ModelCIF file with pLDDT and N, C-alpha, C, O atoms, coordinates in Angstrom:
data_MODEL
#
_entry.id   MODEL 
#
_entity.id                         1 
_entity.type                       polymer 
_entity.pdbx_number_of_molecules   1 
#
_entity_poly.entity_id                      1 
_entity_poly.type                           'polypeptide(L)' 
_entity_poly.nstd_linkage                   no 
_entity_poly.nstd_monomer                   no 
_entity_poly.pdbx_seq_one_letter_code       GAAAGLQELVAGGVDVVTSSVVESAALINAGKVKSLAVMGDERLG 
_entity_poly.pdbx_seq_one_letter_code_can   GAAAGLQELVAGGVDVVTSSVVESAALINAGKVKSLAVMGDERLG 
_entity_poly.pdbx_strand_id                 A 
#
loop_
_entity_poly_seq.entity_id 
_entity_poly_seq.num 
_entity_poly_seq.mon_id 
_entity_poly_seq.hetero 
1 1  GLY n 
1 2  ALA n 
1 3  ALA n 
1 4  ALA n 
1 5  GLY n 
1 6  LEU n 
1 7  GLN n 
1 8  GLU n 
1 9  LEU n 
1 10 VAL n 
1 11 ALA n 
1 12 GLY n 
1 13 GLY n 
1 14 VAL n 
1 15 ASP n 
1 16 VAL n 
1 17 VAL n 
1 18 THR n 
1 19 SER n 
1 20 SER n 
1 21 VAL n 
1 22 VAL n 
1 23 GLU n 
1 24 SER n 
1 25 ALA n 
1 26 ALA n 
1 27 LEU n 
1 28 ILE n 
1 29 ASN n 
1 30 ALA n 
1 31 GLY n 
1 32 LYS n 
1 33 VAL n 
1 34 LYS n 
1 35 SER n 
1 36 LEU n 
1 37 ALA n 
1 38 VAL n 
1 39 MET n 
1 40 GLY n 
1 41 ASP n 
1 42 GLU n 
1 43 ARG n 
1 44 LEU n 
1 45 GLY n 
#
_struct_asym.id          A 
_struct_asym.entity_id   1 
#
loop_
_ma_qa_metric.id 
_ma_qa_metric.mode 
_ma_qa_metric.name 
_ma_qa_metric.software_group_id 
_ma_qa_metric.type 
1 global pLDDT . pLDDT 
2 local  pLDDT . pLDDT 
#
_ma_qa_metric_global.metric_id      1 
_ma_qa_metric_global.metric_value   93.16 
_ma_qa_metric_global.model_id       1 
_ma_qa_metric_global.ordinal_id     1 
#
loop_
_ma_qa_metric_local.label_asym_id 
_ma_qa_metric_local.label_comp_id 
_ma_qa_metric_local.label_seq_id 
_ma_qa_metric_local.metric_id 
_ma_qa_metric_local.metric_value 
_ma_qa_metric_local.model_id 
_ma_qa_metric_local.ordinal_id 
A GLY 1  2 84.00 1 1  
A ALA 2  2 89.00 1 2  
A ALA 3  2 89.00 1 3  
A ALA 4  2 91.00 1 4  
A GLY 5  2 94.00 1 5  
A LEU 6  2 95.00 1 6  
A GLN 7  2 95.00 1 7  
A GLU 8  2 97.00 1 8  
A LEU 9  2 98.00 1 9  
A VAL 10 2 98.00 1 10 
A ALA 11 2 97.00 1 11 
A GLY 12 2 97.00 1 12 
A GLY 13 2 97.00 1 13 
A VAL 14 2 98.00 1 14 
A ASP 15 2 98.00 1 15 
A VAL 16 2 98.00 1 16 
A VAL 17 2 97.00 1 17 
A THR 18 2 97.00 1 18 
A SER 19 2 93.00 1 19 
A SER 20 2 91.00 1 20 
A VAL 21 2 90.00 1 21 
A VAL 22 2 84.00 1 22 
A GLU 23 2 87.00 1 23 
A SER 24 2 90.00 1 24 
A ALA 25 2 88.00 1 25 
A ALA 26 2 90.00 1 26 
A LEU 27 2 95.00 1 27 
A ILE 28 2 94.00 1 28 
A ASN 29 2 93.00 1 29 
A ALA 30 2 96.00 1 30 
A GLY 31 2 97.00 1 31 
A LYS 32 2 98.00 1 32 
A VAL 33 2 97.00 1 33 
A LYS 34 2 97.00 1 34 
A SER 35 2 97.00 1 35 
A LEU 36 2 98.00 1 36 
A ALA 37 2 97.00 1 37 
A VAL 38 2 96.00 1 38 
A MET 39 2 95.00 1 39 
A GLY 40 2 91.00 1 40 
A ASP 41 2 87.00 1 41 
A GLU 42 2 88.00 1 42 
A ARG 43 2 89.00 1 43 
A LEU 44 2 86.00 1 44 
A GLY 45 2 79.00 1 45 
#
loop_
_atom_site.group_PDB 
_atom_site.id 
_atom_site.type_symbol 
_atom_site.label_atom_id 
_atom_site.label_alt_id 
_atom_site.label_comp_id 
_atom_site.label_asym_id 
_atom_site.label_entity_id 
_atom_site.label_seq_id 
_atom_site.pdbx_PDB_ins_code 
_atom_site.Cartn_x 
_atom_site.Cartn_y 
_atom_site.Cartn_z 
_atom_site.occupancy 
_atom_site.B_iso_or_equiv 
_atom_site.pdbx_formal_charge 
_atom_site.auth_seq_id 
_atom_site.auth_comp_id 
_atom_site.auth_asym_id 
_atom_site.auth_atom_id 
_atom_site.pdbx_PDB_model_num 
ATOM 1   N N  . GLY A 1 1  ? -7.457  -9.948 -2.855 1.00 84.00 ? 1  GLY A N  1 
ATOM 2   C CA . GLY A 1 1  ? -6.240  -9.706 -3.248 1.00 84.00 ? 1  GLY A CA 1 
ATOM 3   C C  . GLY A 1 1  ? -5.910  -8.111 -2.824 1.00 84.00 ? 1  GLY A C  1 
ATOM 4   O O  . GLY A 1 1  ? -6.740  -7.206 -2.919 1.00 84.00 ? 1  GLY A O  1 
ATOM 5   N N  . ALA A 1 2  ? -4.583  -7.955 -2.356 1.00 89.00 ? 2  ALA A N  1 
ATOM 6   C CA . ALA A 1 2  ? -3.973  -6.868 -2.391 1.00 89.00 ? 2  ALA A CA 1 
ATOM 7   C C  . ALA A 1 2  ? -4.196  -5.874 -2.977 1.00 89.00 ? 2  ALA A C  1 
ATOM 8   O O  . ALA A 1 2  ? -4.401  -4.732 -2.566 1.00 89.00 ? 2  ALA A O  1 
ATOM 9   N N  . ALA A 1 3  ? -4.152  -6.394 -4.220 1.00 89.00 ? 3  ALA A N  1 
ATOM 10  C CA . ALA A 1 3  ? -4.448  -5.409 -5.672 1.00 89.00 ? 3  ALA A CA 1 
ATOM 11  C C  . ALA A 1 3  ? -5.676  -4.635 -5.867 1.00 89.00 ? 3  ALA A C  1 
ATOM 12  O O  . ALA A 1 3  ? -5.655  -3.447 -6.189 1.00 89.00 ? 3  ALA A O  1 
ATOM 13  N N  . ALA A 1 4  ? -6.629  -5.237 -5.691 1.00 91.00 ? 4  ALA A N  1 
ATOM 14  C CA . ALA A 1 4  ? -8.430  -5.021 -6.119 1.00 91.00 ? 4  ALA A CA 1 
ATOM 15  C C  . ALA A 1 4  ? -8.540  -4.046 -4.524 1.00 91.00 ? 4  ALA A C  1 
ATOM 16  O O  . ALA A 1 4  ? -9.422  -3.188 -4.501 1.00 91.00 ? 4  ALA A O  1 
ATOM 17  N N  . GLY A 1 5  ? -7.762  -4.188 -3.414 1.00 94.00 ? 5  GLY A N  1 
ATOM 18  C CA . GLY A 1 5  ? -7.759  -3.362 -2.349 1.00 94.00 ? 5  GLY A CA 1 
ATOM 19  C C  . GLY A 1 5  ? -7.173  -2.396 -2.414 1.00 94.00 ? 5  GLY A C  1 
ATOM 20  O O  . GLY A 1 5  ? -7.822  -1.576 -1.762 1.00 94.00 ? 5  GLY A O  1 
ATOM 21  N N  . LEU A 1 6  ? -5.860  -1.702 -3.010 1.00 95.00 ? 6  LEU A N  1 
ATOM 22  C CA . LEU A 1 6  ? -5.190  -0.991 -3.242 1.00 95.00 ? 6  LEU A CA 1 
ATOM 23  C C  . LEU A 1 6  ? -6.313  -0.092 -4.430 1.00 95.00 ? 6  LEU A C  1 
ATOM 24  O O  . LEU A 1 6  ? -6.520  1.121  -4.420 1.00 95.00 ? 6  LEU A O  1 
ATOM 25  N N  . GLN A 1 7  ? -6.810  -0.942 -5.231 1.00 95.00 ? 7  GLN A N  1 
ATOM 26  C CA . GLN A 1 7  ? -7.658  0.149  -6.133 1.00 95.00 ? 7  GLN A CA 1 
ATOM 27  C C  . GLN A 1 7  ? -8.641  0.716  -5.753 1.00 95.00 ? 7  GLN A C  1 
ATOM 28  O O  . GLN A 1 7  ? -8.922  1.886  -6.011 1.00 95.00 ? 7  GLN A O  1 
ATOM 29  N N  . GLU A 1 8  ? -9.438  -0.230 -4.935 1.00 97.00 ? 8  GLU A N  1 
ATOM 30  C CA . GLU A 1 8  ? -10.252 0.471  -3.927 1.00 97.00 ? 8  GLU A CA 1 
ATOM 31  C C  . GLU A 1 8  ? -10.124 1.701  -3.043 1.00 97.00 ? 8  GLU A C  1 
ATOM 32  O O  . GLU A 1 8  ? -11.030 2.499  -2.797 1.00 97.00 ? 8  GLU A O  1 
ATOM 33  N N  . LEU A 1 9  ? -8.759  1.747  -2.560 1.00 98.00 ? 9  LEU A N  1 
ATOM 34  C CA . LEU A 1 9  ? -8.091  2.401  -1.865 1.00 98.00 ? 9  LEU A CA 1 
ATOM 35  C C  . LEU A 1 9  ? -8.142  3.921  -2.469 1.00 98.00 ? 9  LEU A C  1 
ATOM 36  O O  . LEU A 1 9  ? -8.860  4.837  -2.068 1.00 98.00 ? 9  LEU A O  1 
ATOM 37  N N  . VAL A 1 10 ? -7.116  3.950  -3.627 1.00 98.00 ? 10 VAL A N  1 
ATOM 38  C CA . VAL A 1 10 ? -7.252  5.284  -4.362 1.00 98.00 ? 10 VAL A CA 1 
ATOM 39  C C  . VAL A 1 10 ? -8.804  5.641  -4.964 1.00 98.00 ? 10 VAL A C  1 
ATOM 40  O O  . VAL A 1 10 ? -9.115  6.818  -5.150 1.00 98.00 ? 10 VAL A O  1 
ATOM 41  N N  . ALA A 1 11 ? -9.483  4.849  -5.172 1.00 97.00 ? 11 ALA A N  1 
ATOM 42  C CA . ALA A 1 11 ? -10.736 5.144  -5.483 1.00 97.00 ? 11 ALA A CA 1 
ATOM 43  C C  . ALA A 1 11 ? -11.209 5.551  -4.804 1.00 97.00 ? 11 ALA A C  1 
ATOM 44  O O  . ALA A 1 11 ? -11.852 6.434  -5.372 1.00 97.00 ? 11 ALA A O  1 
ATOM 45  N N  . GLY A 1 12 ? -11.541 5.591  -3.232 1.00 97.00 ? 12 GLY A N  1 
ATOM 46  C CA . GLY A 1 12 ? -11.822 6.327  -2.253 1.00 97.00 ? 12 GLY A CA 1 
ATOM 47  C C  . GLY A 1 12 ? -12.714 5.095  -1.383 1.00 97.00 ? 12 GLY A C  1 
ATOM 48  O O  . GLY A 1 12 ? -13.226 5.587  -0.378 1.00 97.00 ? 12 GLY A O  1 
ATOM 49  N N  . GLY A 1 13 ? -12.960 3.864  -1.518 1.00 97.00 ? 13 GLY A N  1 
ATOM 50  C CA . GLY A 1 13 ? -13.886 3.390  -1.084 1.00 97.00 ? 13 GLY A CA 1 
ATOM 51  C C  . GLY A 1 13 ? -13.198 2.710  0.066  1.00 97.00 ? 13 GLY A C  1 
ATOM 52  O O  . GLY A 1 13 ? -14.005 2.082  0.750  1.00 97.00 ? 13 GLY A O  1 
ATOM 53  N N  . VAL A 1 14 ? -11.877 2.635  0.518  1.00 98.00 ? 14 VAL A N  1 
ATOM 54  C CA . VAL A 1 14 ? -11.375 2.262  1.906  1.00 98.00 ? 14 VAL A CA 1 
ATOM 55  C C  . VAL A 1 14 ? -10.770 2.854  2.404  1.00 98.00 ? 14 VAL A C  1 
ATOM 56  O O  . VAL A 1 14 ? -10.322 3.488  1.449  1.00 98.00 ? 14 VAL A O  1 
ATOM 57  N N  . ASP A 1 15 ? -10.241 3.299  3.338  1.00 98.00 ? 15 ASP A N  1 
ATOM 58  C CA . ASP A 1 15 ? -9.380  4.144  4.056  1.00 98.00 ? 15 ASP A CA 1 
ATOM 59  C C  . ASP A 1 15 ? -8.336  3.604  4.529  1.00 98.00 ? 15 ASP A C  1 
ATOM 60  O O  . ASP A 1 15 ? -7.906  4.295  5.452  1.00 98.00 ? 15 ASP A O  1 
ATOM 61  N N  . VAL A 1 16 ? -7.537  2.434  4.288  1.00 98.00 ? 16 VAL A N  1 
ATOM 62  C CA . VAL A 1 16 ? -6.499  2.188  5.086  1.00 98.00 ? 16 VAL A CA 1 
ATOM 63  C C  . VAL A 1 16 ? -6.271  0.674  3.727  1.00 98.00 ? 16 VAL A C  1 
ATOM 64  O O  . VAL A 1 16 ? -7.234  0.123  3.194  1.00 98.00 ? 16 VAL A O  1 
ATOM 65  N N  . VAL A 1 17 ? -5.135  0.392  3.516  1.00 97.00 ? 17 VAL A N  1 
ATOM 66  C CA . VAL A 1 17 ? -5.222  -1.465 3.222  1.00 97.00 ? 17 VAL A CA 1 
ATOM 67  C C  . VAL A 1 17 ? -3.963  -1.781 3.785  1.00 97.00 ? 17 VAL A C  1 
ATOM 68  O O  . VAL A 1 17 ? -2.953  -1.082 3.866  1.00 97.00 ? 17 VAL A O  1 
ATOM 69  N N  . THR A 1 18 ? -4.196  -3.059 4.200  1.00 97.00 ? 18 THR A N  1 
ATOM 70  C CA . THR A 1 18 ? -2.944  -3.937 4.814  1.00 97.00 ? 18 THR A CA 1 
ATOM 71  C C  . THR A 1 18 ? -2.491  -4.667 3.930  1.00 97.00 ? 18 THR A C  1 
ATOM 72  O O  . THR A 1 18 ? -3.307  -5.275 3.237  1.00 97.00 ? 18 THR A O  1 
ATOM 73  N N  . SER A 1 19 ? -0.814  -4.864 3.634  1.00 93.00 ? 19 SER A N  1 
ATOM 74  C CA . SER A 1 19 ? -0.144  -5.835 2.309  1.00 93.00 ? 19 SER A CA 1 
ATOM 75  C C  . SER A 1 19 ? 0.737   -5.381 2.906  1.00 93.00 ? 19 SER A C  1 
ATOM 76  O O  . SER A 1 19 ? 0.783   -4.643 3.890  1.00 93.00 ? 19 SER A O  1 
ATOM 77  N N  . SER A 1 20 ? 1.746   -6.010 2.061  1.00 91.00 ? 20 SER A N  1 
ATOM 78  C CA . SER A 1 20 ? 3.116   -6.090 2.175  1.00 91.00 ? 20 SER A CA 1 
ATOM 79  C C  . SER A 1 20 ? 3.465   -4.857 0.687  1.00 91.00 ? 20 SER A C  1 
ATOM 80  O O  . SER A 1 20 ? 3.196   -4.680 -0.501 1.00 91.00 ? 20 SER A O  1 
ATOM 81  N N  . VAL A 1 21 ? 4.282   -4.243 1.901  1.00 90.00 ? 21 VAL A N  1 
ATOM 82  C CA . VAL A 1 21 ? 4.643   -2.943 0.753  1.00 90.00 ? 21 VAL A CA 1 
ATOM 83  C C  . VAL A 1 21 ? 4.798   -3.362 -0.213 1.00 90.00 ? 21 VAL A C  1 
ATOM 84  O O  . VAL A 1 21 ? 3.919   -2.790 -0.857 1.00 90.00 ? 21 VAL A O  1 
ATOM 85  N N  . VAL A 1 22 ? 5.472   -4.209 -1.111 1.00 84.00 ? 22 VAL A N  1 
ATOM 86  C CA . VAL A 1 22 ? 6.167   -4.570 -2.232 1.00 84.00 ? 22 VAL A CA 1 
ATOM 87  C C  . VAL A 1 22 ? 4.444   -4.190 -3.275 1.00 84.00 ? 22 VAL A C  1 
ATOM 88  O O  . VAL A 1 22 ? 4.161   -3.331 -4.110 1.00 84.00 ? 22 VAL A O  1 
ATOM 89  N N  . GLU A 1 23 ? 3.633   -5.380 -2.624 1.00 87.00 ? 23 GLU A N  1 
ATOM 90  C CA . GLU A 1 23 ? 2.783   -5.395 -3.314 1.00 87.00 ? 23 GLU A CA 1 
ATOM 91  C C  . GLU A 1 23 ? 1.917   -3.841 -3.716 1.00 87.00 ? 23 GLU A C  1 
ATOM 92  O O  . GLU A 1 23 ? 1.236   -3.846 -4.742 1.00 87.00 ? 23 GLU A O  1 
ATOM 93  N N  . SER A 1 24 ? 1.990   -2.428 -2.787 1.00 90.00 ? 24 SER A N  1 
ATOM 94  C CA . SER A 1 24 ? 1.822   -1.320 -3.413 1.00 90.00 ? 24 SER A CA 1 
ATOM 95  C C  . SER A 1 24 ? 2.800   -0.341 -3.541 1.00 90.00 ? 24 SER A C  1 
ATOM 96  O O  . SER A 1 24 ? 2.762   0.879  -3.380 1.00 90.00 ? 24 SER A O  1 
ATOM 97  N N  . ALA A 1 25 ? 4.005   -1.390 -3.977 1.00 88.00 ? 25 ALA A N  1 
ATOM 98  C CA . ALA A 1 25 ? 5.316   -0.227 -4.906 1.00 88.00 ? 25 ALA A CA 1 
ATOM 99  C C  . ALA A 1 25 ? 4.709   0.774  -6.158 1.00 88.00 ? 25 ALA A C  1 
ATOM 100 O O  . ALA A 1 25 ? 4.893   1.976  -6.348 1.00 88.00 ? 25 ALA A O  1 
ATOM 101 N N  . ALA A 1 26 ? 3.983   -0.133 -6.858 1.00 90.00 ? 26 ALA A N  1 
ATOM 102 C CA . ALA A 1 26 ? 3.841   0.487  -8.232 1.00 90.00 ? 26 ALA A CA 1 
ATOM 103 C C  . ALA A 1 26 ? 2.714   1.906  -7.797 1.00 90.00 ? 26 ALA A C  1 
ATOM 104 O O  . ALA A 1 26 ? 3.296   2.911  -8.207 1.00 90.00 ? 26 ALA A O  1 
ATOM 105 N N  . LEU A 1 27 ? 1.693   2.217  -7.300 1.00 95.00 ? 27 LEU A N  1 
ATOM 106 C CA . LEU A 1 27 ? 1.251   3.052  -7.084 1.00 95.00 ? 27 LEU A CA 1 
ATOM 107 C C  . LEU A 1 27 ? 1.877   3.863  -5.917 1.00 95.00 ? 27 LEU A C  1 
ATOM 108 O O  . LEU A 1 27 ? 1.429   4.998  -6.081 1.00 95.00 ? 27 LEU A O  1 
ATOM 109 N N  . ILE A 1 28 ? 2.653   3.868  -4.862 1.00 94.00 ? 28 ILE A N  1 
ATOM 110 C CA . ILE A 1 28 ? 3.818   4.664  -4.146 1.00 94.00 ? 28 ILE A CA 1 
ATOM 111 C C  . ILE A 1 28 ? 4.376   5.241  -4.886 1.00 94.00 ? 28 ILE A C  1 
ATOM 112 O O  . ILE A 1 28 ? 4.177   6.456  -4.908 1.00 94.00 ? 28 ILE A O  1 
ATOM 113 N N  . ASN A 1 29 ? 5.428   4.584  -5.929 1.00 93.00 ? 29 ASN A N  1 
ATOM 114 C CA . ASN A 1 29 ? 5.994   5.300  -7.318 1.00 93.00 ? 29 ASN A CA 1 
ATOM 115 C C  . ASN A 1 29 ? 5.050   6.215  -7.770 1.00 93.00 ? 29 ASN A C  1 
ATOM 116 O O  . ASN A 1 29 ? 5.442   7.380  -7.701 1.00 93.00 ? 29 ASN A O  1 
ATOM 117 N N  . ALA A 1 30 ? 3.873   6.047  -8.232 1.00 96.00 ? 30 ALA A N  1 
ATOM 118 C CA . ALA A 1 30 ? 3.262   7.263  -8.932 1.00 96.00 ? 30 ALA A CA 1 
ATOM 119 C C  . ALA A 1 30 ? 2.274   7.925  -8.439 1.00 96.00 ? 30 ALA A C  1 
ATOM 120 O O  . ALA A 1 30 ? 1.189   8.214  -8.942 1.00 96.00 ? 30 ALA A O  1 
ATOM 121 N N  . GLY A 1 31 ? 2.922   8.254  -6.941 1.00 97.00 ? 31 GLY A N  1 
ATOM 122 C CA . GLY A 1 31 ? 2.344   9.225  -6.135 1.00 97.00 ? 31 GLY A CA 1 
ATOM 123 C C  . GLY A 1 31 ? 1.117   9.208  -5.774 1.00 97.00 ? 31 GLY A C  1 
ATOM 124 O O  . GLY A 1 31 ? 0.627   10.186 -5.209 1.00 97.00 ? 31 GLY A O  1 
ATOM 125 N N  . LYS A 1 32 ? 0.185   7.747  -6.120 1.00 98.00 ? 32 LYS A N  1 
ATOM 126 C CA . LYS A 1 32 ? -1.372  8.055  -5.284 1.00 98.00 ? 32 LYS A CA 1 
ATOM 127 C C  . LYS A 1 32 ? -1.159  7.306  -3.869 1.00 98.00 ? 32 LYS A C  1 
ATOM 128 O O  . LYS A 1 32 ? -2.060  7.690  -3.123 1.00 98.00 ? 32 LYS A O  1 
ATOM 129 N N  . VAL A 1 33 ? -0.128  6.182  -3.066 1.00 97.00 ? 33 VAL A N  1 
ATOM 130 C CA . VAL A 1 33 ? -0.436  6.001  -2.096 1.00 97.00 ? 33 VAL A CA 1 
ATOM 131 C C  . VAL A 1 33 ? 0.635   6.022  -1.545 1.00 97.00 ? 33 VAL A C  1 
ATOM 132 O O  . VAL A 1 33 ? 1.651   6.235  -2.207 1.00 97.00 ? 33 VAL A O  1 
ATOM 133 N N  . LYS A 1 34 ? 0.702   5.731  0.287  1.00 97.00 ? 34 LYS A N  1 
ATOM 134 C CA . LYS A 1 34 ? 2.026   6.420  0.529  1.00 97.00 ? 34 LYS A CA 1 
ATOM 135 C C  . LYS A 1 34 ? 1.527   5.009  1.636  1.00 97.00 ? 34 LYS A C  1 
ATOM 136 O O  . LYS A 1 34 ? 0.451   4.459  1.870  1.00 97.00 ? 34 LYS A O  1 
ATOM 137 N N  . SER A 1 35 ? 3.148   4.792  2.184  1.00 97.00 ? 35 SER A N  1 
ATOM 138 C CA . SER A 1 35 ? 3.108   3.703  3.579  1.00 97.00 ? 35 SER A CA 1 
ATOM 139 C C  . SER A 1 35 ? 3.605   4.504  4.490  1.00 97.00 ? 35 SER A C  1 
ATOM 140 O O  . SER A 1 35 ? 4.484   5.348  4.317  1.00 97.00 ? 35 SER A O  1 
ATOM 141 N N  . LEU A 1 36 ? 2.917   4.185  5.691  1.00 98.00 ? 36 LEU A N  1 
ATOM 142 C CA . LEU A 1 36 ? 2.810   4.460  7.011  1.00 98.00 ? 36 LEU A CA 1 
ATOM 143 C C  . LEU A 1 36 ? 3.705   3.878  8.114  1.00 98.00 ? 36 LEU A C  1 
ATOM 144 O O  . LEU A 1 36 ? 4.146   4.399  9.138  1.00 98.00 ? 36 LEU A O  1 
ATOM 145 N N  . ALA A 1 37 ? 3.889   2.254  7.444  1.00 97.00 ? 37 ALA A N  1 
ATOM 146 C CA . ALA A 1 37 ? 5.114   1.684  8.623  1.00 97.00 ? 37 ALA A CA 1 
ATOM 147 C C  . ALA A 1 37 ? 4.536   0.076  8.275  1.00 97.00 ? 37 ALA A C  1 
ATOM 148 O O  . ALA A 1 37 ? 3.399   -0.188 7.884  1.00 97.00 ? 37 ALA A O  1 
ATOM 149 N N  . VAL A 1 38 ? 5.496   -0.773 8.498  1.00 96.00 ? 38 VAL A N  1 
ATOM 150 C CA . VAL A 1 38 ? 5.879   -1.910 8.192  1.00 96.00 ? 38 VAL A CA 1 
ATOM 151 C C  . VAL A 1 38 ? 5.795   -2.830 9.342  1.00 96.00 ? 38 VAL A C  1 
ATOM 152 O O  . VAL A 1 38 ? 6.649   -2.548 10.182 1.00 96.00 ? 38 VAL A O  1 
ATOM 153 N N  . MET A 1 39 ? 4.999   -3.908 9.688  1.00 95.00 ? 39 MET A N  1 
ATOM 154 C CA . MET A 1 39 ? 4.652   -4.224 10.808 1.00 95.00 ? 39 MET A CA 1 
ATOM 155 C C  . MET A 1 39 ? 5.729   -5.759 11.041 1.00 95.00 ? 39 MET A C  1 
ATOM 156 O O  . MET A 1 39 ? 5.291   -6.908 11.091 1.00 95.00 ? 39 MET A O  1 
ATOM 157 N N  . GLY A 1 40 ? 7.088   -5.377 11.147 1.00 91.00 ? 40 GLY A N  1 
ATOM 158 C CA . GLY A 1 40 ? 8.171   -6.186 10.892 1.00 91.00 ? 40 GLY A CA 1 
ATOM 159 C C  . GLY A 1 40 ? 9.448   -5.830 11.815 1.00 91.00 ? 40 GLY A C  1 
ATOM 160 O O  . GLY A 1 40 ? 9.551   -4.662 12.190 1.00 91.00 ? 40 GLY A O  1 
ATOM 161 N N  . ASP A 1 41 ? 10.210  -6.562 12.117 1.00 87.00 ? 41 ASP A N  1 
ATOM 162 C CA . ASP A 1 41 ? 11.756  -6.152 13.026 1.00 87.00 ? 41 ASP A CA 1 
ATOM 163 C C  . ASP A 1 41 ? 12.487  -4.873 12.730 1.00 87.00 ? 41 ASP A C  1 
ATOM 164 O O  . ASP A 1 41 ? 13.198  -4.232 13.504 1.00 87.00 ? 41 ASP A O  1 
ATOM 165 N N  . GLU A 1 42 ? 12.058  -4.497 10.920 1.00 88.00 ? 42 GLU A N  1 
ATOM 166 C CA . GLU A 1 42 ? 13.662  -4.016 10.334 1.00 88.00 ? 42 GLU A CA 1 
ATOM 167 C C  . GLU A 1 42 ? 12.840  -3.411 9.400  1.00 88.00 ? 42 GLU A C  1 
ATOM 168 O O  . GLU A 1 42 ? 11.922  -4.015 8.846  1.00 88.00 ? 42 GLU A O  1 
ATOM 169 N N  . ARG A 1 43 ? 13.237  -1.751 9.106  1.00 89.00 ? 43 ARG A N  1 
ATOM 170 C CA . ARG A 1 43 ? 13.203  -1.324 7.312  1.00 89.00 ? 43 ARG A CA 1 
ATOM 171 C C  . ARG A 1 43 ? 13.144  -2.280 6.449  1.00 89.00 ? 43 ARG A C  1 
ATOM 172 O O  . ARG A 1 43 ? 13.776  -3.308 6.691  1.00 89.00 ? 43 ARG A O  1 
ATOM 173 N N  . LEU A 1 44 ? 12.431  -2.179 5.335  1.00 86.00 ? 44 LEU A N  1 
ATOM 174 C CA . LEU A 1 44 ? 12.646  -2.926 4.429  1.00 86.00 ? 44 LEU A CA 1 
ATOM 175 C C  . LEU A 1 44 ? 13.611  -2.041 3.626  1.00 86.00 ? 44 LEU A C  1 
ATOM 176 O O  . LEU A 1 44 ? 13.439  -0.823 3.661  1.00 86.00 ? 44 LEU A O  1 
ATOM 177 N N  . GLY A 1 45 ? 14.688  -2.605 2.851  1.00 79.00 ? 45 GLY A N  1 
ATOM 178 C CA . GLY A 1 45 ? 15.723  -2.199 2.167  1.00 79.00 ? 45 GLY A CA 1 
ATOM 179 C C  . GLY A 1 45 ? 15.428  -1.273 1.008  1.00 79.00 ? 45 GLY A C  1 
ATOM 180 O O  . GLY A 1 45 ? 16.347  -0.843 0.312  1.00 79.00 ? 45 GLY A O  1 
#
């Protein structure tokens, strides 16, 4: 799942995680992760 992948991202085991931005919201808000783009028709509210 995305949670495990994101933890691996923060730990340096991988370089990118593709998941919904919502799944990474906690780490984005904590300043550990940033989102570069979303694969949809429009930006997320």
